[in-house]
């Protein structure tokens, strides 16, 4: 099963974020910084974006089912769309990704993205992210759950490919094809 940029655009459209081509850019593309506007002028923004993207892609590789590939294109497109339409949320995602990378460097002396998938999974579990309450203002585990885990899982399971995996790509009674129009909302598909 392969995720694509098109899957990410479908998710963003569901969020109302893809209108007007908002999600068509890629992460790391910015307006040129202007001296005195408070933004770095030496490429620091782009480096931070790329570092955060690497952490998010590495997290997706352990969060998404093992038979799924195409993580980077999907995550890159999804995050770019969120960045353009919800900069505050994007800032939280980048901050949480930095925190996760800092923990990996502290505990394992290397970047989160370079850890083996099993080690990444164990690190997330050791942080308690799997049982944390998603809270953007909570402790590290809560923030990681909110900004990294839940955001990536939402993107995956609301995408056409992820939805197909769990049977929610086109719920009965909702638009999306001839099959759905032939059965009412109460109809159950037993297989």
C-alpha atoms as a PDB file:
ATOM      1  CA  UNK A   1       0.000   0.000   0.000  1.00  0.00           C
ATOM      2  CA  UNK A   2       1.554   3.284  -1.092  1.00  0.00           C
ATOM      3  CA  UNK A   3       0.774   6.723   0.298  1.00  0.00           C
ATOM      4  CA  UNK A   4       1.040   9.623  -2.112  1.00  0.00           C
ATOM      5  CA  UNK A   5       0.960  13.387  -2.201  1.00  0.00           C
ATOM      6  CA  UNK A   6      -2.562  13.028  -3.579  1.00  0.00           C
ATOM      7  CA  UNK A   7      -3.593  11.232  -0.372  1.00  0.00           C
ATOM      8  CA  UNK A   8      -2.233  14.140   1.676  1.00  0.00           C
ATOM      9  CA  UNK A   9      -4.049  16.668  -0.502  1.00  0.00           C
ATOM     10  CA  UNK A  10      -7.301  14.762   0.060  1.00  0.00           C
ATOM     11  CA  UNK A  11      -6.762  14.993   3.825  1.00  0.00           C
ATOM     12  CA  UNK A  12      -6.008  18.702   3.565  1.00  0.00           C
ATOM     13  CA  UNK A  13      -9.116  19.233   1.450  1.00  0.00           C
ATOM     14  CA  UNK A  14     -11.113  17.616   4.238  1.00  0.00           C
ATOM     15  CA  UNK A  15      -9.569  20.097   6.647  1.00  0.00           C
ATOM     16  CA  UNK A  16     -10.438  22.920   4.285  1.00  0.00           C
ATOM     17  CA  UNK A  17      -6.726  23.542   3.738  1.00  0.00           C
ATOM     18  CA  UNK A  18      -6.204  22.657   0.094  1.00  0.00           C
ATOM     19  CA  UNK A  19      -8.336  25.394  -1.453  1.00  0.00           C
ATOM     20  CA  UNK A  20      -6.514  27.752  -3.756  1.00  0.00           C
ATOM     21  CA  UNK A  21      -3.471  25.517  -3.992  1.00  0.00           C
ATOM     22  CA  UNK A  22      -2.461  26.153  -0.374  1.00  0.00           C
ATOM     23  CA  UNK A  23      -0.994  22.698   0.000  1.00  0.00           C
ATOM     24  CA  UNK A  24       0.825  22.482  -3.299  1.00  0.00           C
ATOM     25  CA  UNK A  25       4.077  23.955  -2.002  1.00  0.00           C
ATOM     26  CA  UNK A  26       6.612  21.910  -0.127  1.00  0.00           C
ATOM     27  CA  UNK A  27       7.975  22.355   3.334  1.00  0.00           C
ATOM     28  CA  UNK A  28      10.925  24.690   3.487  1.00  0.00           C
ATOM     29  CA  UNK A  29       9.666  27.198   0.929  1.00  0.00           C
ATOM     30  CA  UNK A  30       9.235  30.632   2.450  1.00  0.00           C
ATOM     31  CA  UNK A  31       9.015  34.233   1.452  1.00  0.00           C
ATOM     32  CA  UNK A  32      12.458  35.787   1.594  1.00  0.00           C
ATOM     33  CA  UNK A  33      13.221  37.052   5.105  1.00  0.00           C
ATOM     34  CA  UNK A  34      13.433  40.785   5.509  1.00  0.00           C
ATOM     35  CA  UNK A  35      16.050  42.316   7.797  1.00  0.00           C
ATOM     36  CA  UNK A  36      14.497  43.270  11.108  1.00  0.00           C
ATOM     37  CA  UNK A  37      11.383  41.080  10.811  1.00  0.00           C
ATOM     38  CA  UNK A  38      12.640  38.716  13.507  1.00  0.00           C
ATOM     39  CA  UNK A  39      13.158  35.768  11.176  1.00  0.00           C
ATOM     40  CA  UNK A  40      16.592  34.285  10.581  1.00  0.00           C
ATOM     41  CA  UNK A  41      18.176  35.300   7.287  1.00  0.00           C
ATOM     42  CA  UNK A  42      20.798  32.560   7.092  1.00  0.00           C
ATOM     43  CA  UNK A  43      18.648  29.547   6.194  1.00  0.00           C
ATOM     44  CA  UNK A  44      17.940  28.536   9.789  1.00  0.00           C
ATOM     45  CA  UNK A  45      14.171  28.295   9.124  1.00  0.00           C
ATOM     46  CA  UNK A  46      14.699  25.867   6.271  1.00  0.00           C
ATOM     47  CA  UNK A  47      17.104  23.751   8.304  1.00  0.00           C
ATOM     48  CA  UNK A  48      14.635  23.573  11.202  1.00  0.00           C
ATOM     49  CA  UNK A  49      11.824  22.666   8.804  1.00  0.00           C
ATOM     50  CA  UNK A  50      13.913  19.902   7.238  1.00  0.00           C
ATOM     51  CA  UNK A  51      14.973  18.560  10.653  1.00  0.00           C
ATOM     52  CA  UNK A  52      11.351  18.538  11.840  1.00  0.00           C
ATOM     53  CA  UNK A  53      10.241  16.855   8.624  1.00  0.00           C
ATOM     54  CA  UNK A  54      12.862  14.117   9.084  1.00  0.00           C
ATOM     55  CA  UNK A  55      11.579  13.473  12.617  1.00  0.00           C
ATOM     56  CA  UNK A  56       7.959  13.351  11.426  1.00  0.00           C
ATOM     57  CA  UNK A  57       8.753  10.982   8.558  1.00  0.00           C
ATOM     58  CA  UNK A  58      10.698   8.728  10.949  1.00  0.00           C
ATOM     59  CA  UNK A  59       7.761   8.772  13.380  1.00  0.00           C
ATOM     60  CA  UNK A  60       5.321   7.936  10.567  1.00  0.00           C
ATOM     61  CA  UNK A  61       7.468   4.943   9.638  1.00  0.00           C
ATOM     62  CA  UNK A  62       6.790   3.400  13.066  1.00  0.00           C
ATOM     63  CA  UNK A  63       3.233   4.680  13.543  1.00  0.00           C
ATOM     64  CA  UNK A  64       1.821   3.582  10.186  1.00  0.00           C
ATOM     65  CA  UNK A  65       1.239  -0.089   9.325  1.00  0.00           C
ATOM     66  CA  UNK A  66       4.376  -1.885   8.131  1.00  0.00           C
ATOM     67  CA  UNK A  67       3.014  -2.596   4.644  1.00  0.00           C
ATOM     68  CA  UNK A  68       2.649   1.141   3.903  1.00  0.00           C
ATOM     69  CA  UNK A  69       5.323   3.058   2.001  1.00  0.00           C
ATOM     70  CA  UNK A  70       5.582   6.540   0.519  1.00  0.00           C
ATOM     71  CA  UNK A  71       5.877   8.132   3.960  1.00  0.00           C
ATOM     72  CA  UNK A  72       8.077  11.077   2.993  1.00  0.00           C
ATOM     73  CA  UNK A  73       5.976  12.446   0.112  1.00  0.00           C
ATOM     74  CA  UNK A  74       2.777  12.030   2.121  1.00  0.00           C
ATOM     75  CA  UNK A  75       4.085  13.601   5.337  1.00  0.00           C
ATOM     76  CA  UNK A  76       5.888  16.392   3.472  1.00  0.00           C
ATOM     77  CA  UNK A  77       2.753  17.413   1.592  1.00  0.00           C
ATOM     78  CA  UNK A  78       0.498  17.139   4.644  1.00  0.00           C
ATOM     79  CA  UNK A  79       2.827  19.177   6.853  1.00  0.00           C
ATOM     80  CA  UNK A  80       3.349  21.816   4.150  1.00  0.00           C
ATOM     81  CA  UNK A  81      -0.402  22.263   3.852  1.00  0.00           C
ATOM     82  CA  UNK A  82      -0.830  22.555   7.600  1.00  0.00           C
ATOM     83  CA  UNK A  83       2.050  25.036   7.734  1.00  0.00           C
ATOM     84  CA  UNK A  84       0.444  27.329   5.190  1.00  0.00           C
ATOM     85  CA  UNK A  85      -3.058  27.221   6.650  1.00  0.00           C
ATOM     86  CA  UNK A  86      -2.414  26.896  10.391  1.00  0.00           C
ATOM     87  CA  UNK A  87       0.980  28.404  11.299  1.00  0.00           C
ATOM     88  CA  UNK A  88       0.301  28.163  15.042  1.00  0.00           C
ATOM     89  CA  UNK A  89      -0.355  24.434  14.844  1.00  0.00           C
ATOM     90  CA  UNK A  90       2.662  24.020  12.581  1.00  0.00           C
ATOM     91  CA  UNK A  91       4.847  25.810  15.158  1.00  0.00           C
ATOM     92  CA  UNK A  92       3.648  23.302  17.766  1.00  0.00           C
ATOM     93  CA  UNK A  93       4.467  20.405  15.434  1.00  0.00           C
ATOM     94  CA  UNK A  94       7.989  21.731  14.812  1.00  0.00           C
ATOM     95  CA  UNK A  95       8.544  22.339  18.524  1.00  0.00           C
ATOM     96  CA  UNK A  96       7.349  18.829  19.435  1.00  0.00           C
ATOM     97  CA  UNK A  97       9.519  17.298  16.702  1.00  0.00           C
ATOM     98  CA  UNK A  98      12.524  19.190  18.090  1.00  0.00           C
ATOM     99  CA  UNK A  99      11.740  17.897  21.578  1.00  0.00           C
ATOM    100  CA  UNK A 100      11.514  14.319  20.325  1.00  0.00           C
ATOM    101  CA  UNK A 101      14.806  14.670  18.486  1.00  0.00           C
ATOM    102  CA  UNK A 102      16.448  16.161  21.603  1.00  0.00           C
ATOM    103  CA  UNK A 103      15.290  13.201  23.707  1.00  0.00           C
ATOM    104  CA  UNK A 104      16.658  10.765  21.105  1.00  0.00           C
ATOM    105  CA  UNK A 105      20.000  12.568  21.107  1.00  0.00           C
ATOM    106  CA  UNK A 106      20.070  12.581  24.909  1.00  0.00           C
ATOM    107  CA  UNK A 107      19.103   8.929  25.358  1.00  0.00           C
ATOM    108  CA  UNK A 108      20.729   7.386  22.269  1.00  0.00           C
ATOM    109  CA  UNK A 109      23.384   9.924  21.189  1.00  0.00           C
ATOM    110  CA  UNK A 110      21.909  10.226  17.705  1.00  0.00           C
ATOM    111  CA  UNK A 111      19.049  11.892  15.867  1.00  0.00           C
ATOM    112  CA  UNK A 112      15.593  10.325  16.087  1.00  0.00           C
ATOM    113  CA  UNK A 113      15.488   9.860  12.313  1.00  0.00           C
ATOM    114  CA  UNK A 114      18.683   7.778  12.320  1.00  0.00           C
ATOM    115  CA  UNK A 115      17.516   5.340  14.987  1.00  0.00           C
ATOM    116  CA  UNK A 116      16.370   1.880  13.924  1.00  0.00           C
ATOM    117  CA  UNK A 117      12.567   1.672  13.624  1.00  0.00           C
ATOM    118  CA  UNK A 118      12.353  -0.652  16.640  1.00  0.00           C
ATOM    119  CA  UNK A 119      14.346   1.829  18.730  1.00  0.00           C
ATOM    120  CA  UNK A 120      12.120   4.720  17.596  1.00  0.00           C
ATOM    121  CA  UNK A 121       9.040   2.745  18.580  1.00  0.00           C
ATOM    122  CA  UNK A 122      10.552   1.853  21.958  1.00  0.00           C
ATOM    123  CA  UNK A 123      11.561   5.490  22.566  1.00  0.00           C
ATOM    124  CA  UNK A 124       8.002   6.681  21.948  1.00  0.00           C
ATOM    125  CA  UNK A 125       6.651   3.992  24.280  1.00  0.00           C
ATOM    126  CA  UNK A 126       9.270   4.731  26.953  1.00  0.00           C
ATOM    127  CA  UNK A 127       8.161   8.362  26.847  1.00  0.00           C
ATOM    128  CA  UNK A 128       4.606   7.140  27.473  1.00  0.00           C
ATOM    129  CA  UNK A 129       3.325   8.686  24.268  1.00  0.00           C
ATOM    130  CA  UNK A 130       1.115   5.644  23.623  1.00  0.00           C
ATOM    131  CA  UNK A 131      -0.888   6.317  26.812  1.00  0.00           C
ATOM    132  CA  UNK A 132      -0.493  10.096  27.135  1.00  0.00           C
ATOM    133  CA  UNK A 133      -3.430  12.469  27.005  1.00  0.00           C
ATOM    134  CA  UNK A 134      -3.068  14.652  23.923  1.00  0.00           C
ATOM    135  CA  UNK A 135      -2.591  18.171  25.260  1.00  0.00           C
ATOM    136  CA  UNK A 136      -0.799  20.941  23.362  1.00  0.00           C
ATOM    137  CA  UNK A 137       0.098  22.630  26.660  1.00  0.00           C
ATOM    138  CA  UNK A 138       0.876  19.467  28.628  1.00  0.00           C
ATOM    139  CA  UNK A 139       4.140  17.713  29.411  1.00  0.00           C
ATOM    140  CA  UNK A 140       6.481  16.376  26.721  1.00  0.00           C
ATOM    141  CA  UNK A 141       4.542  13.121  26.295  1.00  0.00           C
ATOM    142  CA  UNK A 142       1.225  14.954  26.010  1.00  0.00           C
ATOM    143  CA  UNK A 143       2.610  17.383  23.434  1.00  0.00           C
ATOM    144  CA  UNK A 144       4.198  14.567  21.419  1.00  0.00           C
ATOM    145  CA  UNK A 145       0.896  12.705  21.480  1.00  0.00           C
ATOM    146  CA  UNK A 146      -1.008  15.801  20.326  1.00  0.00           C
ATOM    147  CA  UNK A 147       1.352  17.276  17.733  1.00  0.00           C
ATOM    148  CA  UNK A 148       3.190  14.228  16.395  1.00  0.00           C
ATOM    149  CA  UNK A 149       1.305  10.980  16.990  1.00  0.00           C
ATOM    150  CA  UNK A 150      -2.305  12.142  16.716  1.00  0.00           C
ATOM    151  CA  UNK A 151      -1.573  14.512  13.843  1.00  0.00           C
ATOM    152  CA  UNK A 152       0.193  11.811  11.818  1.00  0.00           C
ATOM    153  CA  UNK A 153      -2.458   9.188  12.608  1.00  0.00           C
ATOM    154  CA  UNK A 154      -5.253  11.595  11.706  1.00  0.00           C
ATOM    155  CA  UNK A 155      -3.566  12.313   8.389  1.00  0.00           C
ATOM    156  CA  UNK A 156      -3.099   8.619   7.670  1.00  0.00           C
ATOM    157  CA  UNK A 157      -6.547   7.327   8.582  1.00  0.00           C
ATOM    158  CA  UNK A 158      -8.423  10.170   6.892  1.00  0.00           C
ATOM    159  CA  UNK A 159      -6.479   9.686   3.658  1.00  0.00           C
ATOM    160  CA  UNK A 160      -8.027   7.544   0.920  1.00  0.00           C
ATOM    161  CA  UNK A 161      -5.256   4.939   1.297  1.00  0.00           C
ATOM    162  CA  UNK A 162      -5.418   4.800   5.101  1.00  0.00           C
ATOM    163  CA  UNK A 163      -9.196   4.849   5.069  1.00  0.00           C
ATOM    164  CA  UNK A 164      -9.228   1.917   2.664  1.00  0.00           C
ATOM    165  CA  UNK A 165      -7.124  -0.053   5.136  1.00  0.00           C
ATOM    166  CA  UNK A 166      -9.749   0.280   7.878  1.00  0.00           C
ATOM    167  CA  UNK A 167     -12.831   0.447   5.672  1.00  0.00           C
ATOM    168  CA  UNK A 168     -13.646   4.146   6.068  1.00  0.00           C
ATOM    169  CA  UNK A 169     -12.634   5.364   2.630  1.00  0.00           C
ATOM    170  CA  UNK A 170     -16.263   5.748   1.636  1.00  0.00           C
ATOM    171  CA  UNK A 171     -18.749   5.074   4.431  1.00  0.00           C
ATOM    172  CA  UNK A 172     -22.093   3.718   3.270  1.00  0.00           C
ATOM    173  CA  UNK A 173     -24.607   6.504   2.735  1.00  0.00           C
ATOM    174  CA  UNK A 174     -22.049   9.166   1.874  1.00  0.00           C
ATOM    175  CA  UNK A 175     -21.013  10.351  -1.586  1.00  0.00           C
ATOM    176  CA  UNK A 176     -18.185   8.577  -3.260  1.00  0.00           C
ATOM    177  CA  UNK A 177     -19.268   6.120  -5.876  1.00  0.00           C
ATOM    178  CA  UNK A 178     -22.062   4.113  -7.396  1.00  0.00           C
ATOM    179  CA  UNK A 179     -21.837   1.438  -4.698  1.00  0.00           C
ATOM    180  CA  UNK A 180     -22.546   3.894  -1.880  1.00  0.00           C
ATOM    181  CA  UNK A 181     -25.580   5.305  -3.697  1.00  0.00           C
ATOM    182  CA  UNK A 182     -27.127   1.857  -4.057  1.00  0.00           C
ATOM    183  CA  UNK A 183     -27.269   1.311  -0.293  1.00  0.00           C
ATOM    184  CA  UNK A 184     -28.837   3.524   2.346  1.00  0.00           C
ATOM    185  CA  UNK A 185     -27.087   4.818   5.461  1.00  0.00           C
ATOM    186  CA  UNK A 186     -28.396   1.896   7.528  1.00  0.00           C
ATOM    187  CA  UNK A 187     -27.031  -0.775   5.185  1.00  0.00           C
ATOM    188  CA  UNK A 188     -24.187  -2.864   6.531  1.00  0.00           C
ATOM    189  CA  UNK A 189     -21.513  -4.238   4.243  1.00  0.00           C
ATOM    190  CA  UNK A 190     -20.624  -7.711   5.543  1.00  0.00           C
ATOM    191  CA  UNK A 191     -17.857  -8.243   3.164  1.00  0.00           C
END
